[in-house]
Amino acid sequence: MLAVQRGDRSAFGQLFEKHVRGVVGFAAQFVGARARAEELAQDVFLQIYRTRARYVPTARFTTWLYRMVTNACLSEVRRADHRSRILPVDHAVERDDADPGSLPEVATRSSEEVVLSQESLNRLRTELEELPPQQRAALLLARVEGLSYEEVAEALSSSVSAVKSLVHRATVRLRDRMQEEHK
């Protein structure tokens, strides 16, 4: 980022290539629509480039980046027309960055198991979208993006104890809602 700050365009391209998939993936899980997530990612990287002169390396770049992405996602979900614009999507089809090696071997599973797994995954995504935005942000940043509680706290402009509480409440809520489905 310091090279970008000095006007090195190739460094910006490298920064973009290194982080765009993670940003789009995070935003897609947050806002529930991959196309909108891609737009938000473009907006964030454009904002980074435009405000590069004001960058101060007080924390890791990824912490600063995810603060910007989280703020963009929070703004998006707070918009009155957000819910009306979200269409159900087949996340499995849209995930072009999924690592096939990390998925269970489908050939060894029965068609019933595959259907139940997909239904559970869709239910989890729905429940994730129903979490309050701050809980969703904290959970995704900590559990999906792998940021430390300290980094999540900085990204959310919050305290570490508040982040721990947000992650805990989100986890408990998701667990309870998923267990309700199986009763």
Protein backbone atom coordinates (compact mmCIF):
# COMPACT_ATOMS: atom_id res chain seq x y z
CA MET A 1 0.00 0.00 0.00
CA LEU A 2 2.92 2.33 0.63
CA ALA A 3 4.01 1.84 -3.00
CA VAL A 4 0.44 2.61 -4.12
CA GLN A 5 0.57 5.72 -1.98
CA ARG A 6 3.67 6.81 -3.91
CA GLY A 7 1.73 6.42 -7.18
CA ASP A 8 2.89 2.96 -8.27
CA ARG A 9 0.01 1.70 -10.42
CA SER A 10 1.45 -1.79 -10.80
CA ALA A 11 1.50 -2.09 -7.00
CA PHE A 12 -2.19 -1.18 -6.97
CA GLY A 13 -2.86 -3.91 -9.54
CA GLN A 14 -1.01 -6.41 -7.35
CA LEU A 15 -2.92 -5.26 -4.27
CA PHE A 16 -6.19 -5.61 -6.16
CA GLU A 17 -5.35 -9.10 -7.47
CA LYS A 18 -4.27 -10.28 -4.03
CA HIS A 19 -7.39 -9.12 -2.18
CA VAL A 20 -10.30 -8.89 -4.63
CA ARG A 21 -11.54 -12.47 -4.23
CA GLY A 22 -11.62 -12.23 -0.46
CA VAL A 23 -13.37 -8.87 -0.58
CA VAL A 24 -15.99 -10.08 -3.07
CA GLY A 25 -16.54 -13.30 -1.10
CA PHE A 26 -16.97 -11.42 2.16
CA ALA A 27 -19.30 -8.86 0.59
CA ALA A 28 -21.36 -11.57 -1.16
CA GLN A 29 -21.94 -13.36 2.12
CA PHE A 30 -22.77 -10.08 3.78
CA VAL A 31 -25.18 -8.59 1.23
CA GLY A 32 -26.48 -11.85 -0.23
CA ALA A 33 -25.86 -11.06 -3.90
CA ARG A 34 -22.63 -11.70 -5.77
CA ALA A 35 -23.25 -9.08 -8.46
CA ARG A 36 -23.77 -6.36 -5.84
CA ALA A 37 -20.73 -7.64 -3.94
CA GLU A 38 -18.60 -7.22 -7.05
CA GLU A 39 -19.87 -3.66 -7.42
CA LEU A 40 -19.10 -2.94 -3.76
CA ALA A 41 -15.60 -4.37 -4.19
CA GLN A 42 -14.99 -2.11 -7.18
CA ASP A 43 -16.24 0.86 -5.17
CA VAL A 44 -13.94 0.01 -2.26
CA PHE A 45 -10.86 -0.39 -4.44
CA LEU A 46 -11.68 2.83 -6.25
CA GLN A 47 -11.99 4.54 -2.87
CA ILE A 48 -8.63 3.09 -1.82
CA TYR A 49 -6.98 4.48 -4.91
CA ARG A 50 -8.60 7.88 -4.58
CA THR A 51 -7.73 8.22 -0.89
CA ARG A 52 -4.27 6.62 -1.10
CA ALA A 53 -2.54 9.84 -0.01
CA ARG A 54 -4.37 9.71 3.34
CA TYR A 55 -3.40 6.11 4.13
CA VAL A 56 -1.55 5.81 7.44
CA PRO A 57 -0.12 2.36 8.20
CA THR A 58 -1.25 2.13 11.82
CA ALA A 59 -2.58 -1.41 11.40
CA ARG A 60 -2.28 -4.25 8.90
CA PHE A 61 -3.52 -3.32 5.46
CA THR A 62 -6.13 -6.10 5.54
CA THR A 63 -7.62 -4.68 8.73
CA TRP A 64 -7.94 -1.26 7.09
CA LEU A 65 -9.31 -2.87 3.90
CA TYR A 66 -11.96 -4.88 5.73
CA ARG A 67 -13.00 -1.79 7.69
CA MET A 68 -13.77 -0.12 4.36
CA VAL A 69 -15.52 -3.21 2.99
CA THR A 70 -17.56 -3.67 6.16
CA ASN A 71 -18.65 -0.04 6.11
CA ALA A 72 -19.69 -0.38 2.46
CA CYS A 73 -21.64 -3.56 3.25
CA LEU A 74 -23.31 -2.03 6.31
CA SER A 75 -24.36 0.96 4.21
CA GLU A 76 -25.73 -1.38 1.57
CA VAL A 77 -27.85 -3.47 3.94
CA ARG A 78 -29.20 -0.37 5.66
CA ARG A 79 -30.55 0.96 2.38
CA ALA A 80 -34.34 0.79 2.28
CA ASP A 81 -34.38 -0.90 -1.11
CA HIS A 82 -31.72 -3.52 -0.30
CA ARG A 83 -34.09 -6.37 0.57
CA SER A 84 -36.30 -5.75 -2.44
CA ARG A 85 -33.31 -5.97 -4.79
CA ILE A 86 -31.93 -9.26 -3.50
CA LEU A 87 -32.92 -12.22 -5.62
CA PRO A 88 -32.41 -15.80 -4.49
CA VAL A 89 -29.16 -17.04 -5.96
CA ASP A 90 -27.53 -20.39 -6.36
CA HIS A 91 -24.37 -19.68 -4.39
CA ALA A 92 -22.72 -22.88 -5.52
CA VAL A 93 -22.91 -21.76 -9.14
CA GLU A 94 -21.75 -18.24 -8.36
CA ARG A 95 -18.71 -19.28 -6.32
CA ASP A 96 -16.13 -19.29 -9.09
CA ASP A 97 -13.38 -19.05 -6.49
CA ALA A 98 -14.41 -22.21 -4.64
CA ASP A 99 -11.65 -24.75 -4.32
CA PRO A 100 -13.02 -28.03 -5.64
CA GLY A 101 -10.46 -29.90 -3.57
CA SER A 102 -12.01 -28.55 -0.38
CA LEU A 103 -15.47 -29.87 -1.14
CA PRO A 104 -16.63 -33.31 -0.05
CA GLU A 105 -16.37 -35.96 -2.71
CA VAL A 106 -19.84 -35.91 -4.24
CA ALA A 107 -19.48 -39.30 -5.88
CA THR A 108 -19.22 -40.96 -2.46
CA ARG A 109 -22.40 -39.34 -1.17
CA SER A 110 -25.95 -40.38 -1.90
CA SER A 111 -28.23 -38.01 -3.77
CA GLU A 112 -30.27 -37.61 -0.59
CA GLU A 113 -27.17 -36.53 1.36
CA VAL A 114 -26.26 -34.03 -1.34
CA VAL A 115 -29.78 -32.54 -1.31
CA LEU A 116 -29.84 -32.35 2.50
CA SER A 117 -26.40 -30.74 2.56
CA GLN A 118 -27.47 -28.15 0.00
CA GLU A 119 -30.69 -27.45 1.92
CA SER A 120 -28.71 -27.00 5.15
CA LEU A 121 -26.24 -24.71 3.42
CA ASN A 122 -29.05 -22.62 1.95
CA ARG A 123 -30.73 -22.44 5.37
CA LEU A 124 -27.45 -21.34 6.95
CA ARG A 125 -27.03 -18.60 4.34
CA THR A 126 -30.59 -17.42 4.96
CA GLU A 127 -30.04 -17.34 8.71
CA LEU A 128 -26.74 -15.53 8.23
CA GLU A 129 -28.53 -12.84 6.22
CA GLU A 130 -31.06 -12.49 9.06
CA LEU A 131 -28.39 -11.69 11.67
CA PRO A 132 -28.13 -8.06 12.76
CA PRO A 133 -25.52 -6.38 10.54
CA GLN A 134 -22.91 -5.89 13.29
CA GLN A 135 -23.16 -9.54 14.37
CA ARG A 136 -22.92 -10.69 10.75
CA ALA A 137 -19.87 -8.49 10.14
CA ALA A 138 -18.08 -9.67 13.27
CA LEU A 139 -18.84 -13.34 12.57
CA LEU A 140 -17.76 -13.19 8.93
CA LEU A 141 -14.59 -11.25 9.66
CA ALA A 142 -13.56 -13.51 12.53
CA ARG A 143 -14.71 -16.93 11.34
CA VAL A 144 -14.65 -16.69 7.55
CA GLU A 145 -11.92 -14.14 6.86
CA GLY A 146 -9.78 -15.29 9.78
CA LEU A 147 -9.11 -11.88 11.31
CA SER A 148 -8.16 -11.79 14.98
CA TYR A 149 -10.60 -10.28 17.47
CA GLU A 150 -8.29 -7.26 17.70
CA GLU A 151 -8.37 -6.80 13.92
CA VAL A 152 -12.14 -7.23 13.81
CA ALA A 153 -12.49 -4.67 16.62
CA GLU A 154 -10.42 -2.21 14.63
CA ALA A 155 -12.33 -2.93 11.41
CA LEU A 156 -15.65 -2.36 13.20
CA SER A 157 -14.43 0.56 15.33
CA SER A 158 -15.32 -1.43 18.40
CA SER A 159 -13.73 -2.99 21.46
CA VAL A 160 -12.40 -6.54 21.57
CA SER A 161 -14.93 -7.47 24.25
CA ALA A 162 -17.76 -6.14 22.08
CA VAL A 163 -16.49 -8.20 19.13
CA LYS A 164 -16.32 -11.34 21.26
CA SER A 165 -19.87 -10.70 22.36
CA LEU A 166 -21.07 -10.10 18.80
CA VAL A 167 -19.41 -13.29 17.53
CA HIS A 168 -20.77 -15.30 20.45
CA ARG A 169 -24.34 -14.00 20.01
CA ALA A 170 -24.21 -14.61 16.25
CA THR A 171 -22.88 -18.14 16.76
CA VAL A 172 -25.50 -18.99 19.38
CA ARG A 173 -28.30 -17.54 17.26
CA LEU A 174 -27.21 -19.46 14.16
CA ARG A 175 -26.83 -22.68 16.15
CA ASP A 176 -30.25 -22.28 17.77
CA ARG A 177 -31.98 -21.43 14.50
CA MET A 178 -30.35 -24.35 12.70
CA GLN A 179 -31.33 -26.73 15.52
CA GLU A 180 -34.92 -25.47 15.37
CA GLU A 181 -35.05 -26.55 11.75
CA HIS A 182 -34.18 -30.13 12.66
CA LYS A 183 -36.82 -30.47 15.40
